[in-house]
PDB file of N, CA and C in Angstrom:
ATOM      1  N   MET A   1     -19.342  10.836  -2.811  1.00  0.00           N
ATOM      2  CA  MET A   1     -19.131  11.301  -4.120  1.00  0.00           C
ATOM      3  C   MET A   1     -19.857   9.856  -5.090  1.00  0.00           C
ATOM      4  N   SER A   2     -20.833   9.904  -5.500  1.00  0.00           N
ATOM      5  CA  SER A   2     -21.191   8.922  -7.006  1.00  0.00           C
ATOM      6  C   SER A   2     -20.541   8.237  -8.065  1.00  0.00           C
ATOM      7  N   GLY A   3     -20.550   7.536  -8.118  1.00  0.00           N
ATOM      8  CA  GLY A   3     -20.493   6.035  -9.573  1.00  0.00           C
ATOM      9  C   GLY A   3     -20.762   4.918  -8.976  1.00  0.00           C
ATOM     10  N   VAL A   4     -19.763   4.189  -9.961  1.00  0.00           N
ATOM     11  CA  VAL A   4     -19.841   3.213  -9.652  1.00  0.00           C
ATOM     12  C   VAL A   4     -19.874   2.284  -8.955  1.00  0.00           C
ATOM     13  N   ALA A   5     -19.338   2.931  -8.205  1.00  0.00           N
ATOM     14  CA  ALA A   5     -19.225   2.164  -6.657  1.00  0.00           C
ATOM     15  C   ALA A   5     -19.584   3.070  -5.149  1.00  0.00           C
ATOM     16  N   PRO A   6     -20.355   3.164  -5.475  1.00  0.00           N
ATOM     17  CA  PRO A   6     -20.498   3.929  -3.980  1.00  0.00           C
ATOM     18  C   PRO A   6     -20.617   4.133  -2.499  1.00  0.00           C
ATOM     19  N   ASP A   7     -19.956   3.262  -2.308  1.00  0.00           N
ATOM     20  CA  ASP A   7     -19.140   2.072  -0.504  1.00  0.00           C
ATOM     21  C   ASP A   7     -18.294   2.575  -0.809  1.00  0.00           C
ATOM     22  N   SER A   8     -17.111   2.457  -2.280  1.00  0.00           N
ATOM     23  CA  SER A   8     -15.662   2.306  -1.970  1.00  0.00           C
ATOM     24  C   SER A   8     -15.078   3.334  -1.118  1.00  0.00           C
ATOM     25  N   GLU A   9     -13.909   3.047  -0.835  1.00  0.00           N
ATOM     26  CA  GLU A   9     -13.488   4.355   0.173  1.00  0.00           C
ATOM     27  C   GLU A   9     -11.471   4.318  -0.694  1.00  0.00           C
ATOM     28  N   ILE A  10     -11.589   5.953  -1.239  1.00  0.00           N
ATOM     29  CA  ILE A  10      -9.923   5.941  -1.510  1.00  0.00           C
ATOM     30  C   ILE A  10      -8.854   6.050  -0.034  1.00  0.00           C
ATOM     31  N   VAL A  11      -7.447   5.394  -0.287  1.00  0.00           N
ATOM     32  CA  VAL A  11      -6.654   5.637   0.979  1.00  0.00           C
ATOM     33  C   VAL A  11      -5.254   5.846   0.119  1.00  0.00           C
ATOM     34  N   ASN A  12      -5.024   5.995   1.381  1.00  0.00           N
ATOM     35  CA  ASN A  12      -3.586   6.703   0.739  1.00  0.00           C
ATOM     36  C   ASN A  12      -2.350   5.965   1.056  1.00  0.00           C
ATOM     37  N   ILE A  13      -1.574   5.656   0.513  1.00  0.00           N
ATOM     38  CA  ILE A  13      -0.929   3.813   0.943  1.00  0.00           C
ATOM     39  C   ILE A  13       0.827   4.187   0.479  1.00  0.00           C
ATOM     40  N   LYS A  14       1.879   4.436   1.296  1.00  0.00           N
ATOM     41  CA  LYS A  14       3.207   4.940   1.045  1.00  0.00           C
ATOM     42  C   LYS A  14       3.942   3.752   0.133  1.00  0.00           C
ATOM     43  N   VAL A  15       4.433   3.553  -0.507  1.00  0.00           N
ATOM     44  CA  VAL A  15       4.737   2.126  -1.072  1.00  0.00           C
ATOM     45  C   VAL A  15       5.936   3.308  -1.782  1.00  0.00           C
ATOM     46  N   LEU A  16       6.302   3.788  -2.706  1.00  0.00           N
ATOM     47  CA  LEU A  16       7.294   4.178  -2.935  1.00  0.00           C
ATOM     48  C   LEU A  16       8.688   5.505  -1.890  1.00  0.00           C
ATOM     49  N   ASP A  17       9.884   5.257  -1.864  1.00  0.00           N
ATOM     50  CA  ASP A  17      10.975   5.760  -0.976  1.00  0.00           C
ATOM     51  C   ASP A  17      10.599   7.500  -1.446  1.00  0.00           C
ATOM     52  N   ARG A  18      11.853   8.616  -1.313  1.00  0.00           N
ATOM     53  CA  ARG A  18      11.634   9.952  -0.882  1.00  0.00           C
ATOM     54  C   ARG A  18      11.830   9.858  -2.551  1.00  0.00           C
ATOM     55  N   ARG A  19      12.182   9.556  -2.909  1.00  0.00           N
ATOM     56  CA  ARG A  19      13.144   9.509  -4.102  1.00  0.00           C
ATOM     57  C   ARG A  19      12.196   9.409  -5.501  1.00  0.00           C
ATOM     58  N   GLY A  20      10.908   8.151  -4.600  1.00  0.00           N
ATOM     59  CA  GLY A  20      10.021   8.288  -5.315  1.00  0.00           C
ATOM     60  C   GLY A  20       9.778   7.159  -6.692  1.00  0.00           C
ATOM     61  N   GLY A  21      11.020   6.446  -6.160  1.00  0.00           N
ATOM     62  CA  GLY A  21      11.407   5.209  -6.689  1.00  0.00           C
ATOM     63  C   GLY A  21      11.228   4.288  -5.677  1.00  0.00           C
ATOM     64  N   GLY A  22      10.830   2.907  -5.985  1.00  0.00           N
ATOM     65  CA  GLY A  22      10.224   1.829  -5.864  1.00  0.00           C
ATOM     66  C   GLY A  22       9.949   0.418  -6.597  1.00  0.00           C
ATOM     67  N   SER A  23       9.815  -0.464  -6.341  1.00  0.00           N
ATOM     68  CA  SER A  23       9.673  -2.303  -7.361  1.00  0.00           C
ATOM     69  C   SER A  23       7.797  -2.628  -6.814  1.00  0.00           C
ATOM     70  N   THR A  24       8.126  -3.095  -8.087  1.00  0.00           N
ATOM     71  CA  THR A  24       6.359  -3.879  -8.413  1.00  0.00           C
ATOM     72  C   THR A  24       6.324  -4.660  -6.757  1.00  0.00           C
ATOM     73  N   PHE A  25       7.028  -5.242  -6.048  1.00  0.00           N
ATOM     74  CA  PHE A  25       7.032  -5.786  -4.690  1.00  0.00           C
ATOM     75  C   PHE A  25       6.783  -5.260  -3.784  1.00  0.00           C
ATOM     76  N   THR A  26       6.884  -3.692  -3.751  1.00  0.00           N
ATOM     77  CA  THR A  26       6.773  -3.291  -2.784  1.00  0.00           C
ATOM     78  C   THR A  26       5.209  -2.350  -2.675  1.00  0.00           C
ATOM     79  N   ILE A  27       5.358  -1.827  -3.887  1.00  0.00           N
ATOM     80  CA  ILE A  27       3.904  -2.054  -4.089  1.00  0.00           C
ATOM     81  C   ILE A  27       2.696  -2.821  -3.712  1.00  0.00           C
ATOM     82  N   VAL A  28       3.135  -4.016  -4.370  1.00  0.00           N
ATOM     83  CA  VAL A  28       2.570  -5.037  -4.163  1.00  0.00           C
ATOM     84  C   VAL A  28       2.489  -4.873  -2.403  1.00  0.00           C
ATOM     85  N   GLN A  29       3.389  -4.972  -1.937  1.00  0.00           N
ATOM     86  CA  GLN A  29       3.311  -5.576  -0.434  1.00  0.00           C
ATOM     87  C   GLN A  29       2.264  -4.416   0.087  1.00  0.00           C
ATOM     88  N   GLY A  30       2.555  -2.990  -0.287  1.00  0.00           N
ATOM     89  CA  GLY A  30       2.007  -2.259   0.428  1.00  0.00           C
ATOM     90  C   GLY A  30       0.413  -2.491   0.472  1.00  0.00           C
ATOM     91  N   ILE A  31      -0.351  -3.084  -0.644  1.00  0.00           N
ATOM     92  CA  ILE A  31      -1.984  -2.801  -0.954  1.00  0.00           C
ATOM     93  C   ILE A  31      -2.227  -4.445   0.174  1.00  0.00           C
ATOM     94  N   GLU A  32      -0.939  -5.245  -0.323  1.00  0.00           N
ATOM     95  CA  GLU A  32      -1.557  -6.432   1.067  1.00  0.00           C
ATOM     96  C   GLU A  32      -1.488  -6.271   1.814  1.00  0.00           C
ATOM     97  N   ASN A  33      -0.694  -5.164   2.676  1.00  0.00           N
ATOM     98  CA  ASN A  33      -0.773  -4.757   4.621  1.00  0.00           C
ATOM     99  C   ASN A  33      -1.893  -4.272   4.503  1.00  0.00           C
ATOM    100  N   TYR A  34      -2.637  -3.697   3.563  1.00  0.00           N
ATOM    101  CA  TYR A  34      -3.107  -2.538   3.861  1.00  0.00           C
ATOM    102  C   TYR A  34      -4.819  -3.276   4.402  1.00  0.00           C
ATOM    103  N   ALA A  35      -4.900  -4.590   2.771  1.00  0.00           N
ATOM    104  CA  ALA A  35      -5.824  -5.982   2.736  1.00  0.00           C
ATOM    105  C   ALA A  35      -6.133  -6.480   4.438  1.00  0.00           C
ATOM    106  N   ASN A  36      -4.667  -6.858   4.918  1.00  0.00           N
ATOM    107  CA  ASN A  36      -4.075  -7.518   5.772  1.00  0.00           C
ATOM    108  C   ASN A  36      -3.932  -6.555   7.044  1.00  0.00           C
ATOM    109  N   PRO A  37      -4.139  -5.766   7.790  1.00  0.00           N
ATOM    110  CA  PRO A  37      -3.345  -5.395   8.366  1.00  0.00           C
ATOM    111  C   PRO A  37      -2.569  -6.128   9.775  1.00  0.00           C
ATOM    112  N   GLU A  38      -2.823  -7.205  10.219  1.00  0.00           N
ATOM    113  CA  GLU A  38      -2.160  -7.994  11.329  1.00  0.00           C
ATOM    114  C   GLU A  38      -1.450  -8.614  10.579  1.00  0.00           C
ATOM    115  N   ASP A  39      -1.447  -8.730   9.028  1.00  0.00           N
ATOM    116  CA  ASP A  39      -0.021  -9.716   8.330  1.00  0.00           C
ATOM    117  C   ASP A  39       0.984  -8.487   8.308  1.00  0.00           C
ATOM    118  N   LEU A  40       1.072  -6.829   9.260  1.00  0.00           N
ATOM    119  CA  LEU A  40       2.268  -5.430   8.687  1.00  0.00           C
ATOM    120  C   LEU A  40       3.395  -6.607   8.331  1.00  0.00           C
ATOM    121  N   LEU A  41       3.866  -6.473   8.008  1.00  0.00           N
ATOM    122  CA  LEU A  41       5.405  -5.775   7.984  1.00  0.00           C
ATOM    123  C   LEU A  41       6.074  -4.451   8.436  1.00  0.00           C
ATOM    124  N   THR A  42       7.172  -4.583   8.762  1.00  0.00           N
ATOM    125  CA  THR A  42       7.473  -3.279   8.787  1.00  0.00           C
ATOM    126  C   THR A  42       8.435  -2.694   8.424  1.00  0.00           C
ATOM    127  N   TYR A  43       8.394  -1.057   8.063  1.00  0.00           N
ATOM    128  CA  TYR A  43       9.324  -0.912   7.173  1.00  0.00           C
ATOM    129  C   TYR A  43      10.665  -1.215   6.665  1.00  0.00           C
ATOM    130  N   GLN A  44      11.506  -1.777   7.939  1.00  0.00           N
ATOM    131  CA  GLN A  44      12.739  -2.369   8.442  1.00  0.00           C
ATOM    132  C   GLN A  44      12.412  -3.633   7.848  1.00  0.00           C
ATOM    133  N   GLU A  45      11.468  -4.134   7.501  1.00  0.00           N
ATOM    134  CA  GLU A  45      11.335  -5.824   7.144  1.00  0.00           C
ATOM    135  C   GLU A  45      10.653  -5.628   5.471  1.00  0.00           C
ATOM    136  N   ILE A  46      10.203  -5.025   4.287  1.00  0.00           N
ATOM    137  CA  ILE A  46      10.128  -4.277   3.414  1.00  0.00           C
ATOM    138  C   ILE A  46      11.568  -4.366   2.831  1.00  0.00           C
ATOM    139  N   VAL A  47      11.960  -3.018   3.594  1.00  0.00           N
ATOM    140  CA  VAL A  47      13.427  -2.705   2.209  1.00  0.00           C
ATOM    141  C   VAL A  47      14.519  -3.606   2.770  1.00  0.00           C
ATOM    142  N   VAL A  48      15.614  -3.334   1.658  1.00  0.00           N
ATOM    143  CA  VAL A  48      16.237  -4.295   1.464  1.00  0.00           C
ATOM    144  C   VAL A  48      17.199  -3.333   1.021  1.00  0.00           C
TER     145      VAL A  48
END
């Protein structure tokens, strides 16, 4: 793939529940967990 950022990668991060619902917090948390896997929280810790 070529374009503005040819060395970038596209990743799939699941942040919504099975009904497609979620919050801004869960979206941000999912992105942060991908960026910092050593700080990864379990699904049970994220879902209230």
